[in-house]
Amino acid sequence: MGQPVSVIEKPTGRAGVLRFETNRSLTGMGHERYRAGTAVEGNRPPDVLARRLFERGGVETVHIYGGVITIELAEPDESGLKEIIEDLYTYYRPGVEPTITPSAE
């Protein structure tokens, strides 16, 4: 369950730099920059996304502005990045039991 994020990969002029555009704003009007090896604090959507991208490995920097995510790769493997972004708001994954709260009657 949750809401999949629609993601389109756009070309860039630099090798090793990827740009993705989403159907929703993740930062409002602010810029968020993250660098590998630096702790990502907070639980806002851009923070969670940056952590997930770094956990995948092979990512040097992440810049998020509104609905645009720019990723600089440390390694030439871009597999799985788009899927990480698309799954940002997917809360229940296969094998995960959802929490059911009993209703008050």
C-alpha atoms as a PDB file:
ATOM      1  CA  MET A   1       0.000   0.000   0.000  1.00  0.00           C
ATOM      2  CA  GLY A   2       1.018   3.577  -0.287  1.00  0.00           C
ATOM      3  CA  GLN A   3       1.397   5.836  -3.254  1.00  0.00           C
ATOM      4  CA  PRO A   4       3.902   4.994  -5.969  1.00  0.00           C
ATOM      5  CA  VAL A   5       5.874   7.971  -7.194  1.00  0.00           C
ATOM      6  CA  SER A   6       5.897   8.466 -10.965  1.00  0.00           C
ATOM      7  CA  VAL A   7       9.534   8.880 -12.059  1.00  0.00           C
ATOM      8  CA  ILE A   8      11.001   9.876 -15.422  1.00  0.00           C
ATOM      9  CA  GLU A   9      14.746   9.737 -16.040  1.00  0.00           C
ATOM     10  CA  LYS A  10      16.017  12.761 -17.965  1.00  0.00           C
ATOM     11  CA  PRO A  11      19.346  12.988 -19.808  1.00  0.00           C
ATOM     12  CA  THR A  12      22.217  15.083 -18.462  1.00  0.00           C
ATOM     13  CA  GLY A  13      25.330  16.394 -20.154  1.00  0.00           C
ATOM     14  CA  ARG A  14      27.726  14.736 -17.699  1.00  0.00           C
ATOM     15  CA  ALA A  15      28.712  11.099 -17.497  1.00  0.00           C
ATOM     16  CA  GLY A  16      27.932   9.592 -14.109  1.00  0.00           C
ATOM     17  CA  VAL A  17      25.238  12.160 -13.303  1.00  0.00           C
ATOM     18  CA  LEU A  18      21.594  11.099 -13.400  1.00  0.00           C
ATOM     19  CA  ARG A  19      18.491  13.268 -13.181  1.00  0.00           C
ATOM     20  CA  PHE A  20      15.038  12.039 -12.249  1.00  0.00           C
ATOM     21  CA  GLU A  21      11.797  14.031 -12.282  1.00  0.00           C
ATOM     22  CA  THR A  22       8.880  12.992 -10.075  1.00  0.00           C
ATOM     23  CA  ASN A  23       5.174  13.777 -10.025  1.00  0.00           C
ATOM     24  CA  ARG A  24       5.390  15.375  -6.575  1.00  0.00           C
ATOM     25  CA  SER A  25       7.516  17.887  -4.738  1.00  0.00           C
ATOM     26  CA  LEU A  26       9.778  16.384  -2.103  1.00  0.00           C
ATOM     27  CA  THR A  27      11.362  19.591  -0.773  1.00  0.00           C
ATOM     28  CA  GLY A  28       8.971  22.434  -1.544  1.00  0.00           C
ATOM     29  CA  MET A  29      11.095  25.376  -2.680  1.00  0.00           C
ATOM     30  CA  GLY A  30      14.228  24.339  -0.795  1.00  0.00           C
ATOM     31  CA  HIS A  31      17.393  22.660  -2.053  1.00  0.00           C
ATOM     32  CA  GLU A  32      18.646  19.603  -0.175  1.00  0.00           C
ATOM     33  CA  ARG A  33      22.182  18.316  -0.720  1.00  0.00           C
ATOM     34  CA  TYR A  34      23.611  15.097   0.672  1.00  0.00           C
ATOM     35  CA  ARG A  35      27.098  13.595   0.367  1.00  0.00           C
ATOM     36  CA  ALA A  36      28.184   9.991   0.887  1.00  0.00           C
ATOM     37  CA  GLY A  37      29.907   9.466   4.231  1.00  0.00           C
ATOM     38  CA  THR A  38      27.918  12.241   5.929  1.00  0.00           C
ATOM     39  CA  ALA A  39      25.090  11.236   8.258  1.00  0.00           C
ATOM     40  CA  VAL A  40      21.634  12.054   6.901  1.00  0.00           C
ATOM     41  CA  GLU A  41      19.553  13.413   9.768  1.00  0.00           C
ATOM     42  CA  GLY A  42      15.783  13.801   9.825  1.00  0.00           C
ATOM     43  CA  ASN A  43      12.787  11.859   8.578  1.00  0.00           C
ATOM     44  CA  ARG A  44      11.428  14.152   5.877  1.00  0.00           C
ATOM     45  CA  PRO A  45      10.902  12.544   2.449  1.00  0.00           C
ATOM     46  CA  PRO A  46      14.169  13.914   0.975  1.00  0.00           C
ATOM     47  CA  ASP A  47      16.123  12.635   4.007  1.00  0.00           C
ATOM     48  CA  VAL A  48      14.590   9.162   3.758  1.00  0.00           C
ATOM     49  CA  LEU A  49      15.210   9.032   0.009  1.00  0.00           C
ATOM     50  CA  ALA A  50      18.850  10.115   0.365  1.00  0.00           C
ATOM     51  CA  ARG A  51      19.450   7.461   3.043  1.00  0.00           C
ATOM     52  CA  ARG A  52      17.936   4.753   0.837  1.00  0.00           C
ATOM     53  CA  LEU A  53      20.035   5.808  -2.152  1.00  0.00           C
ATOM     54  CA  PHE A  54      23.256   5.793  -0.097  1.00  0.00           C
ATOM     55  CA  GLU A  55      22.357   2.413   1.455  1.00  0.00           C
ATOM     56  CA  ARG A  56      22.164   0.982  -2.071  1.00  0.00           C
ATOM     57  CA  GLY A  57      25.787   1.968  -2.573  1.00  0.00           C
ATOM     58  CA  GLY A  58      27.624   3.501  -5.505  1.00  0.00           C
ATOM     59  CA  VAL A  59      26.167   6.988  -4.944  1.00  0.00           C
ATOM     60  CA  GLU A  60      28.465   9.959  -4.266  1.00  0.00           C
ATOM     61  CA  THR A  61      26.003  12.870  -3.952  1.00  0.00           C
ATOM     62  CA  VAL A  62      22.245  13.454  -3.972  1.00  0.00           C
ATOM     63  CA  HIS A  63      20.644  16.822  -4.683  1.00  0.00           C
ATOM     64  CA  ILE A  64      16.874  17.240  -4.420  1.00  0.00           C
ATOM     65  CA  TYR A  65      14.979  20.360  -5.424  1.00  0.00           C
ATOM     66  CA  GLY A  66      11.202  20.155  -5.551  1.00  0.00           C
ATOM     67  CA  GLY A  67      10.494  17.048  -7.607  1.00  0.00           C
ATOM     68  CA  VAL A  68      13.909  16.815  -9.299  1.00  0.00           C
ATOM     69  CA  ILE A  69      16.544  14.413  -7.961  1.00  0.00           C
ATOM     70  CA  THR A  70      20.104  14.649  -9.260  1.00  0.00           C
ATOM     71  CA  ILE A  71      22.450  11.791  -8.384  1.00  0.00           C
ATOM     72  CA  GLU A  72      26.194  11.724  -8.926  1.00  0.00           C
ATOM     73  CA  LEU A  73      27.427   8.154  -9.095  1.00  0.00           C
ATOM     74  CA  ALA A  74      30.614   6.897  -7.466  1.00  0.00           C
ATOM     75  CA  GLU A  75      30.384   3.766  -9.653  1.00  0.00           C
ATOM     76  CA  PRO A  76      28.975   3.439 -13.194  1.00  0.00           C
ATOM     77  CA  ASP A  77      26.019   1.239 -12.088  1.00  0.00           C
ATOM     78  CA  GLU A  78      22.637   2.973 -12.097  1.00  0.00           C
ATOM     79  CA  SER A  79      20.506  -0.149 -11.644  1.00  0.00           C
ATOM     80  CA  GLY A  80      17.752   0.071  -9.068  1.00  0.00           C
ATOM     81  CA  LEU A  81      17.895   3.836  -8.477  1.00  0.00           C
ATOM     82  CA  LYS A  82      14.622   4.618 -10.247  1.00  0.00           C
ATOM     83  CA  GLU A  83      12.859   1.867  -8.287  1.00  0.00           C
ATOM     84  CA  ILE A  84      14.111   3.289  -4.961  1.00  0.00           C
ATOM     85  CA  ILE A  85      12.589   6.653  -5.859  1.00  0.00           C
ATOM     86  CA  GLU A  86       9.328   5.088  -7.063  1.00  0.00           C
ATOM     87  CA  ASP A  87       8.959   3.157  -3.777  1.00  0.00           C
ATOM     88  CA  LEU A  88       9.493   6.180  -1.507  1.00  0.00           C
ATOM     89  CA  TYR A  89       5.853   6.238  -0.365  1.00  0.00           C
ATOM     90  CA  THR A  90       5.221   2.473  -0.513  1.00  0.00           C
ATOM     91  CA  TYR A  91       4.788   1.514   3.117  1.00  0.00           C
ATOM     92  CA  TYR A  92       3.822  -2.154   2.973  1.00  0.00           C
ATOM     93  CA  ARG A  93       6.175  -4.427   1.088  1.00  0.00           C
ATOM     94  CA  PRO A  94       5.869  -8.165   0.427  1.00  0.00           C
ATOM     95  CA  GLY A  95       6.438 -10.122   3.621  1.00  0.00           C
ATOM     96  CA  VAL A  96       5.686  -7.142   5.886  1.00  0.00           C
ATOM     97  CA  GLU A  97       2.555  -7.494   7.995  1.00  0.00           C
ATOM     98  CA  PRO A  98       0.560  -4.249   8.242  1.00  0.00           C
ATOM     99  CA  THR A  99      -0.314  -3.008  11.695  1.00  0.00           C
ATOM    100  CA  ILE A 100      -4.033  -3.294  12.350  1.00  0.00           C
ATOM    101  CA  THR A 101      -5.455  -1.094  15.080  1.00  0.00           C
ATOM    102  CA  PRO A 102      -8.724  -2.361  16.587  1.00  0.00           C
ATOM    103  CA  SER A 103     -11.580   0.075  16.124  1.00  0.00           C
ATOM    104  CA  ALA A 104     -13.237   1.598  19.164  1.00  0.00           C
ATOM    105  CA  GLU A 105     -16.865   0.585  19.428  1.00  0.00           C
END
